[in-house]
């Protein structure tokens, strides 16, 4: 941490650091992968009981209403303590969206369960053949009285095999542009007709799943916004998702891996070039923190952040740090499994492989760069004539 802090912020950091030191379970510290629900959700509920599970939520919805600086302090201290990853689709995506677009009944039904850890959520956007081109999705819903009947196939669904609820996009009309005729729905994953299959990744985990929906019936009360107008709802979620993906949380976790490799790793006396690269990584993480703070503070004033830029910057920063960690590991980088050395975890390749997926979260980085070029810089789109 290179930034000056107020007395209040320093006191908050000391409080967080002390509490985490006492309360993070030793067996969950510095895990690369998100622990299974039976291991991880008790920690989620413990963090919730402390009041720190939703620092960016407003108080009227049960959140902490933390300042952007306090949010970053929490991220830094969670990374330093090696706190395990928790499911965030409810906290960062559907929760804020329901606050903005949901009915009073939807807020009352779903927000308390997200905070308490009683319901895990997943996102049903991507489909085979419909990833970055989300408007081409083919899962369909037909109206049957006061219900919708859904048939379709979702893929790359984070924690889809563990989730209690899914927020999803389905096509309800073919009229007009592809973005028209899409509806945003909430699906109870216990509904008959849902099948789930985990997907094992190159990193060796099963973070993702594919979900099959065969004649899945949901009530119209589970529609967020209007029928056929779900694209506007979905893009609101994506902007929030990119802002949260653009947070320094993962980069801070990665820099802890680099520091542990320097302290305890197989590098012996690091060369001057390795130390220079480590400093470059530290500066890159601080740059990301500054960018995130600027975006979060602007969002508090109602100014839309360039979440595409932030998402690309965060992804590139994580990759930069983990590339340096691989270099420090030397020949040990070929090892798949991590190794504990005292309180440190020597992660030779797990997080490096896990981080490859970041470039497609929230819309691929290639798409984000196109958005930056056309919408922010005013450059012509590919194939356009001037």
Protein backbone atom coordinates (compact mmCIF):
# COMPACT_ATOMS: atom_id res chain seq x y z
CA UNK A 1 0.00 0.00 0.00
CA UNK A 2 1.65 3.21 -1.22
CA UNK A 3 -1.21 5.65 -0.57
CA UNK A 4 -1.53 7.97 2.44
CA UNK A 5 -4.47 7.14 4.72
CA UNK A 6 -6.62 9.21 7.02
CA UNK A 7 -6.68 8.27 10.70
CA UNK A 8 -10.17 6.78 10.23
CA UNK A 9 -9.01 4.65 7.30
CA UNK A 10 -5.94 3.47 9.20
CA UNK A 11 -8.14 2.53 12.17
CA UNK A 12 -10.49 0.65 9.85
CA UNK A 13 -7.56 -1.24 8.31
CA UNK A 14 -6.28 -2.24 11.75
CA UNK A 15 -9.75 -3.43 12.74
CA UNK A 16 -10.14 -5.50 9.57
CA UNK A 17 -6.63 -6.96 9.79
CA UNK A 18 -7.08 -7.99 13.40
CA UNK A 19 -10.48 -9.56 12.82
CA UNK A 20 -9.33 -11.50 9.76
CA UNK A 21 -6.25 -12.77 11.57
CA UNK A 22 -8.51 -14.23 14.25
CA UNK A 23 -11.34 -15.51 12.07
CA UNK A 24 -10.18 -16.76 8.65
CA UNK A 25 -10.04 -20.57 8.97
CA UNK A 26 -6.45 -21.77 8.57
CA UNK A 27 -7.47 -24.55 6.20
CA UNK A 28 -9.04 -22.00 3.82
CA UNK A 29 -6.18 -19.48 3.72
CA UNK A 30 -4.59 -18.76 0.34
CA UNK A 31 -6.64 -21.30 -1.59
CA UNK A 32 -6.36 -20.83 -5.33
CA UNK A 33 -9.81 -22.16 -6.07
CA UNK A 34 -13.14 -21.20 -4.56
CA UNK A 35 -13.93 -23.76 -1.83
CA UNK A 36 -16.94 -26.02 -2.24
CA UNK A 37 -20.18 -24.64 -0.71
CA UNK A 38 -20.01 -26.79 2.42
CA UNK A 39 -16.57 -25.31 3.15
CA UNK A 40 -16.92 -21.80 1.81
CA UNK A 41 -20.43 -20.72 2.70
CA UNK A 42 -19.86 -20.82 6.48
CA UNK A 43 -17.09 -18.25 5.91
CA UNK A 44 -19.48 -16.21 3.72
CA UNK A 45 -22.03 -16.18 6.55
CA UNK A 46 -19.37 -15.27 9.10
CA UNK A 47 -18.31 -12.29 6.97
CA UNK A 48 -21.97 -11.38 6.57
CA UNK A 49 -22.57 -11.50 10.32
CA UNK A 50 -19.62 -9.12 10.76
CA UNK A 51 -21.32 -6.70 8.34
CA UNK A 52 -18.61 -6.78 5.67
CA UNK A 53 -20.16 -9.02 3.02
CA UNK A 54 -21.57 -6.19 0.86
CA UNK A 55 -19.39 -3.11 1.34
CA UNK A 56 -20.72 -1.44 -1.84
CA UNK A 57 -24.43 -1.96 -1.04
CA UNK A 58 -26.39 0.95 0.47
CA UNK A 59 -27.45 0.72 4.09
CA UNK A 60 -31.16 0.69 3.29
CA UNK A 61 -30.64 -2.68 1.61
CA UNK A 62 -28.47 -4.11 4.38
CA UNK A 63 -25.08 -3.14 3.00
CA UNK A 64 -22.12 -1.42 4.56
CA UNK A 65 -22.20 1.73 2.39
CA UNK A 66 -18.41 1.73 2.54
CA UNK A 67 -16.44 4.46 0.83
CA UNK A 68 -14.37 3.38 -2.20
CA UNK A 69 -11.23 3.63 -0.04
CA UNK A 70 -12.77 1.37 2.61
CA UNK A 71 -13.75 -1.09 -0.13
CA UNK A 72 -10.15 -1.24 -1.32
CA UNK A 73 -8.87 -1.63 2.25
CA UNK A 74 -11.15 -4.65 2.65
CA UNK A 75 -9.85 -6.12 -0.63
CA UNK A 76 -6.24 -5.56 0.42
CA UNK A 77 -6.67 -7.10 3.84
CA UNK A 78 -8.69 -10.06 2.56
CA UNK A 79 -5.89 -10.78 0.07
CA UNK A 80 -3.20 -10.35 2.73
CA UNK A 81 -5.01 -12.76 5.08
CA UNK A 82 -5.56 -15.28 2.29
CA UNK A 83 -9.33 -15.24 2.76
CA UNK A 84 -11.05 -17.66 0.36
CA UNK A 85 -13.04 -16.57 -2.67
CA UNK A 86 -16.79 -16.41 -2.18
CA UNK A 87 -19.59 -16.51 -4.77
CA UNK A 88 -20.21 -12.95 -5.96
CA UNK A 89 -22.93 -13.19 -8.61
CA UNK A 90 -25.53 -12.27 -6.02
CA UNK A 91 -23.51 -9.54 -4.35
CA UNK A 92 -22.06 -7.85 -7.42
CA UNK A 93 -24.55 -8.54 -10.18
CA UNK A 94 -28.16 -9.45 -9.47
CA UNK A 95 -28.29 -7.73 -6.07
CA UNK A 96 -27.43 -4.24 -7.38
CA UNK A 97 -29.62 -4.83 -10.41
CA UNK A 98 -32.67 -5.68 -8.31
CA UNK A 99 -32.06 -2.56 -6.25
CA UNK A 100 -32.19 -0.52 -9.47
CA UNK A 101 -34.75 -2.41 -11.58
CA UNK A 102 -36.60 -4.90 -9.37
CA UNK A 103 -40.05 -4.56 -7.88
CA UNK A 104 -40.46 -4.04 -4.14
CA UNK A 105 -41.60 -7.65 -3.84
CA UNK A 106 -38.49 -8.90 -5.68
CA UNK A 107 -36.20 -6.85 -3.45
CA UNK A 108 -37.88 -8.16 -0.32
CA UNK A 109 -37.77 -11.75 -1.54
CA UNK A 110 -34.20 -11.97 -2.84
CA UNK A 111 -31.90 -9.37 -1.29
CA UNK A 112 -31.92 -10.70 2.31
CA UNK A 113 -30.99 -14.21 1.12
CA UNK A 114 -28.05 -12.85 -0.88
CA UNK A 115 -26.72 -10.99 2.14
CA UNK A 116 -27.19 -13.88 4.55
CA UNK A 117 -25.69 -16.50 2.24
CA UNK A 118 -28.93 -18.46 2.14
CA UNK A 119 -29.06 -18.39 -1.68
CA UNK A 120 -26.21 -18.73 -4.18
CA UNK A 121 -26.82 -17.16 -7.61
CA UNK A 122 -25.45 -17.86 -11.07
CA UNK A 123 -25.70 -15.99 -14.37
CA UNK A 124 -27.38 -17.59 -17.38
CA UNK A 125 -26.15 -15.50 -20.29
CA UNK A 126 -23.65 -17.39 -22.48
CA UNK A 127 -24.84 -20.18 -24.73
CA UNK A 128 -23.11 -22.43 -27.27
CA UNK A 129 -22.57 -20.01 -30.15
CA UNK A 130 -23.72 -16.97 -28.15
CA UNK A 131 -20.95 -15.57 -26.00
CA UNK A 132 -19.63 -12.15 -26.95
CA UNK A 133 -22.54 -11.83 -29.41
CA UNK A 134 -25.05 -12.14 -26.60
CA UNK A 135 -28.00 -10.87 -28.65
CA UNK A 136 -27.85 -14.05 -30.74
CA UNK A 137 -28.99 -16.21 -27.80
CA UNK A 138 -31.47 -18.97 -28.63
CA UNK A 139 -32.94 -20.09 -25.31
CA UNK A 140 -36.64 -19.40 -25.66
CA UNK A 141 -39.58 -18.72 -23.38
CA UNK A 142 -43.22 -18.85 -24.40
CA UNK A 143 -46.00 -17.35 -22.39
CA UNK A 144 -48.59 -19.71 -20.95
CA UNK A 145 -51.11 -17.73 -18.93
CA UNK A 146 -49.31 -16.20 -15.97
CA UNK A 147 -46.20 -18.33 -16.55
CA UNK A 148 -43.25 -18.62 -18.91
CA UNK A 149 -42.10 -22.01 -20.23
CA UNK A 150 -38.36 -22.00 -20.95
CA UNK A 151 -36.32 -24.27 -23.19
CA UNK A 152 -32.63 -23.75 -23.82
CA UNK A 153 -29.02 -24.40 -22.99
CA UNK A 154 -26.63 -22.16 -21.03
CA UNK A 155 -22.88 -22.69 -20.79
CA UNK A 156 -19.84 -21.33 -18.91
CA UNK A 157 -22.19 -20.69 -16.02
CA UNK A 158 -20.05 -19.88 -12.98
CA UNK A 159 -21.08 -22.17 -10.12
CA UNK A 160 -24.17 -23.20 -12.08
CA UNK A 161 -23.96 -26.67 -10.53
CA UNK A 162 -24.03 -25.21 -7.00
CA UNK A 163 -26.42 -22.29 -7.41
CA UNK A 164 -29.88 -22.02 -5.86
CA UNK A 165 -31.04 -19.36 -8.34
CA UNK A 166 -30.13 -18.19 -11.82
CA UNK A 167 -30.71 -14.82 -13.45
CA UNK A 168 -30.94 -15.40 -17.16
CA UNK A 169 -31.78 -14.03 -20.57
CA UNK A 170 -34.32 -15.79 -22.77
CA UNK A 171 -35.85 -14.92 -26.10
CA UNK A 172 -39.57 -14.18 -26.04
CA UNK A 173 -39.97 -12.56 -29.47
CA UNK A 174 -38.28 -12.51 -32.90
CA UNK A 175 -39.66 -9.13 -33.93
CA UNK A 176 -37.34 -6.23 -34.63
CA UNK A 177 -33.63 -6.05 -33.87
CA UNK A 178 -31.90 -8.96 -32.12
CA UNK A 179 -31.72 -6.94 -28.90
CA UNK A 180 -35.50 -6.65 -28.87
CA UNK A 181 -37.52 -9.63 -27.75
CA UNK A 182 -35.15 -10.67 -24.94
CA UNK A 183 -36.54 -11.04 -21.42
CA UNK A 184 -34.67 -11.05 -18.10
CA UNK A 185 -35.88 -13.79 -15.75
CA UNK A 186 -35.12 -15.29 -12.34
CA UNK A 187 -35.11 -19.09 -12.21
CA UNK A 188 -35.29 -21.28 -9.12
CA UNK A 189 -32.71 -24.00 -9.85
CA UNK A 190 -34.86 -26.60 -8.09
CA UNK A 191 -37.52 -26.22 -10.79
CA UNK A 192 -38.28 -29.46 -12.67
CA UNK A 193 -36.66 -29.65 -16.09
CA UNK A 194 -33.23 -28.27 -15.09
CA UNK A 195 -30.13 -30.40 -15.58
CA UNK A 196 -26.59 -29.29 -14.74
CA UNK A 197 -23.20 -30.59 -15.78
CA UNK A 198 -19.90 -29.25 -14.38
CA UNK A 199 -17.13 -28.27 -16.82
CA UNK A 200 -13.55 -29.06 -15.82
CA UNK A 201 -11.14 -26.30 -16.80
CA UNK A 202 -7.47 -26.17 -17.78
CA UNK A 203 -6.71 -25.07 -14.21
CA UNK A 204 -8.15 -28.34 -12.89
CA UNK A 205 -11.26 -26.93 -11.20
CA UNK A 206 -14.95 -27.15 -12.11
CA UNK A 207 -15.83 -23.51 -11.61
CA UNK A 208 -18.16 -23.57 -14.63
CA UNK A 209 -21.14 -25.64 -15.66
CA UNK A 210 -23.57 -26.01 -18.49
CA UNK A 211 -27.26 -25.87 -17.69
CA UNK A 212 -30.04 -27.47 -19.72
CA UNK A 213 -33.60 -26.14 -19.43
CA UNK A 214 -36.38 -28.39 -20.70
CA UNK A 215 -39.94 -27.04 -20.29
CA UNK A 216 -38.92 -25.11 -17.17
CA UNK A 217 -41.93 -23.21 -15.83
CA UNK A 218 -41.52 -19.93 -13.94
CA UNK A 219 -44.13 -17.38 -12.83
CA UNK A 220 -44.33 -13.99 -14.56
CA UNK A 221 -43.48 -12.44 -11.20
CA UNK A 222 -39.94 -13.71 -11.85
CA UNK A 223 -39.52 -11.34 -14.80
CA UNK A 224 -37.32 -8.31 -14.03
CA UNK A 225 -38.41 -5.28 -16.01
CA UNK A 226 -40.74 -5.85 -18.95
CA UNK A 227 -41.30 -8.78 -21.28
CA UNK A 228 -39.18 -8.30 -24.45
CA UNK A 229 -37.23 -5.44 -22.79
CA UNK A 230 -34.63 -7.47 -20.94
CA UNK A 231 -31.68 -6.21 -22.99
CA UNK A 232 -31.72 -2.90 -21.12
CA UNK A 233 -31.72 -4.81 -17.83
CA UNK A 234 -28.88 -7.07 -19.00
CA UNK A 235 -26.63 -4.24 -20.09
CA UNK A 236 -27.08 -2.60 -16.70
CA UNK A 237 -25.81 -5.81 -15.09
CA UNK A 238 -22.86 -5.98 -17.49
CA UNK A 239 -21.75 -2.44 -16.63
CA UNK A 240 -21.83 -3.30 -12.92
CA UNK A 241 -20.12 -6.63 -13.58
CA UNK A 242 -17.26 -4.99 -15.48
CA UNK A 243 -16.82 -2.42 -12.72
CA UNK A 244 -16.53 -5.21 -10.12
CA UNK A 245 -14.30 -7.36 -12.37
CA UNK A 246 -12.25 -4.18 -12.74
CA UNK A 247 -11.66 -4.07 -8.99
CA UNK A 248 -8.15 -4.81 -7.72
CA UNK A 249 -9.30 -7.82 -5.69
CA UNK A 250 -7.80 -10.50 -7.95
CA UNK A 251 -4.67 -8.46 -8.67
CA UNK A 252 -4.11 -8.10 -4.92
CA UNK A 253 -4.47 -11.84 -4.50
CA UNK A 254 -1.99 -12.36 -7.33
CA UNK A 255 0.59 -9.96 -5.87
CA UNK A 256 0.43 -11.90 -2.61
CA UNK A 257 1.39 -15.00 -4.61
CA UNK A 258 4.36 -13.10 -6.06
CA UNK A 259 5.49 -11.91 -2.61
CA UNK A 260 5.26 -15.41 -1.18
CA UNK A 261 7.31 -16.76 -4.08
CA UNK A 262 9.96 -14.13 -3.38
CA UNK A 263 9.98 -14.95 0.36
CA UNK A 264 9.93 -18.69 0.24
CA UNK A 265 10.27 -19.84 -3.34
CA UNK A 266 12.88 -21.73 -5.32
CA UNK A 267 14.54 -18.59 -6.71
CA UNK A 268 17.37 -18.28 -4.17
CA UNK A 269 18.74 -14.77 -4.56
CA UNK A 270 16.51 -13.06 -7.12
CA UNK A 271 18.36 -11.33 -9.95
CA UNK A 272 18.11 -7.58 -10.37
CA UNK A 273 15.85 -8.08 -13.40
CA UNK A 274 13.47 -10.20 -11.29
CA UNK A 275 13.38 -7.55 -8.58
CA UNK A 276 12.75 -4.86 -11.21
CA UNK A 277 9.88 -6.89 -12.59
CA UNK A 278 8.44 -7.28 -9.09
CA UNK A 279 8.52 -3.52 -8.62
CA UNK A 280 6.82 -3.12 -12.01
CA UNK A 281 4.05 -5.43 -10.80
CA UNK A 282 3.63 -3.51 -7.53
CA UNK A 283 3.30 -0.26 -9.48
CA UNK A 284 0.82 -1.85 -11.90
CA UNK A 285 -1.39 -2.97 -9.01
CA UNK A 286 -1.28 0.50 -7.45
CA UNK A 287 -2.21 1.98 -10.84
CA UNK A 288 -5.21 -0.34 -11.02
CA UNK A 289 -6.24 0.63 -7.49
CA UNK A 290 -6.08 4.32 -8.44
CA UNK A 291 -8.16 3.71 -11.57
CA UNK A 292 -10.73 1.73 -9.59
CA UNK A 293 -10.97 4.37 -6.91
CA UNK A 294 -11.55 7.02 -9.56
CA UNK A 295 -14.28 4.96 -11.22
CA UNK A 296 -15.98 4.02 -7.94
CA UNK A 297 -15.92 7.62 -6.69
CA UNK A 298 -17.35 8.82 -10.01
CA UNK A 299 -20.10 6.19 -9.78
CA UNK A 300 -21.04 7.52 -6.34
CA UNK A 301 -21.61 10.92 -7.99
CA UNK A 302 -23.77 9.33 -10.67
CA UNK A 303 -21.10 9.53 -13.37
CA UNK A 304 -20.92 6.37 -15.46
CA UNK A 305 -17.48 4.80 -15.29
CA UNK A 306 -15.66 3.48 -18.35
CA UNK A 307 -16.08 -0.05 -17.09
CA UNK A 308 -14.70 -1.54 -20.31
CA UNK A 309 -11.34 0.17 -19.74
CA UNK A 310 -11.28 -0.87 -16.11
CA UNK A 311 -12.09 -4.48 -16.94
CA UNK A 312 -9.25 -4.69 -19.50
CA UNK A 313 -6.80 -2.97 -17.13
CA UNK A 314 -7.63 -5.35 -14.28
CA UNK A 315 -7.29 -8.43 -16.48
CA UNK A 316 -3.96 -7.28 -17.93
CA UNK A 317 -2.65 -6.45 -14.44
CA UNK A 318 -3.48 -9.90 -13.07
CA UNK A 319 -1.81 -11.52 -16.07
CA UNK A 320 1.28 -9.31 -15.68
CA UNK A 321 1.70 -10.28 -12.01
CA UNK A 322 1.15 -13.99 -12.57
CA UNK A 323 3.51 -14.03 -15.56
CA UNK A 324 6.17 -12.61 -13.23
CA UNK A 325 5.34 -15.27 -10.63
CA UNK A 326 5.86 -17.96 -13.25
CA UNK A 327 9.23 -16.47 -14.11
CA UNK A 328 10.25 -16.47 -10.45
CA UNK A 329 9.21 -20.10 -10.14
CA UNK A 330 11.69 -21.07 -12.83
CA UNK A 331 11.53 -24.78 -13.76
CA UNK A 332 9.04 -25.31 -10.90
CA UNK A 333 6.46 -23.47 -13.01
CA UNK A 334 5.80 -26.78 -14.72
CA UNK A 335 4.27 -28.14 -11.51
CA UNK A 336 0.48 -28.09 -11.38
CA UNK A 337 -0.10 -28.36 -7.63
CA UNK A 338 0.76 -25.69 -5.10
CA UNK A 339 2.93 -26.36 -2.05
CA UNK A 340 2.69 -24.97 1.47
CA UNK A 341 5.82 -23.67 3.12
CA UNK A 342 5.04 -22.45 6.61
CA UNK A 343 2.26 -19.87 6.40
CA UNK A 344 2.98 -19.27 2.70
CA UNK A 345 1.56 -21.04 -0.33
CA UNK A 346 3.91 -21.55 -3.26
CA UNK A 347 1.61 -21.48 -6.26
CA UNK A 348 3.61 -22.51 -9.30
CA UNK A 349 0.87 -22.55 -11.92
CA UNK A 350 -2.64 -22.94 -10.43
CA UNK A 351 -3.60 -19.26 -10.36
CA UNK A 352 -1.75 -18.60 -13.62
CA UNK A 353 -3.92 -21.17 -15.40
CA UNK A 354 -7.04 -20.06 -13.56
CA UNK A 355 -6.51 -16.44 -14.66
CA UNK A 356 -6.73 -17.27 -18.37
CA UNK A 357 -10.52 -17.14 -18.09
CA UNK A 358 -10.53 -13.50 -16.94
CA UNK A 359 -10.26 -12.17 -20.48
CA UNK A 360 -13.76 -13.45 -21.33
CA UNK A 361 -15.58 -12.56 -18.09
CA UNK A 362 -18.16 -9.82 -18.54
CA UNK A 363 -17.59 -9.74 -22.29
CA UNK A 364 -14.25 -10.60 -23.89
CA UNK A 365 -11.38 -8.11 -23.75
CA UNK A 366 -11.44 -7.92 -27.55
CA UNK A 367 -15.03 -6.69 -27.41
CA UNK A 368 -14.13 -4.24 -24.62
CA UNK A 369 -11.31 -2.78 -26.72
CA UNK A 370 -13.72 -2.30 -29.61
CA UNK A 371 -16.12 -0.49 -27.28
CA UNK A 372 -13.32 1.74 -26.03
CA UNK A 373 -12.26 2.52 -29.59
CA UNK A 374 -15.72 3.34 -30.91
CA UNK A 375 -17.58 4.77 -27.92
CA UNK A 376 -14.80 6.45 -25.96
CA UNK A 377 -12.27 7.42 -28.62
CA UNK A 378 -14.78 7.94 -31.43
CA UNK A 379 -12.89 5.74 -33.87
CA UNK A 380 -14.76 4.12 -36.79
CA UNK A 381 -15.94 0.56 -36.25
CA UNK A 382 -14.45 -2.24 -38.30
CA UNK A 383 -15.76 -2.19 -41.85
CA UNK A 384 -17.30 1.29 -41.59
CA UNK A 385 -16.69 3.99 -44.18
CA UNK A 386 -15.88 7.59 -43.34
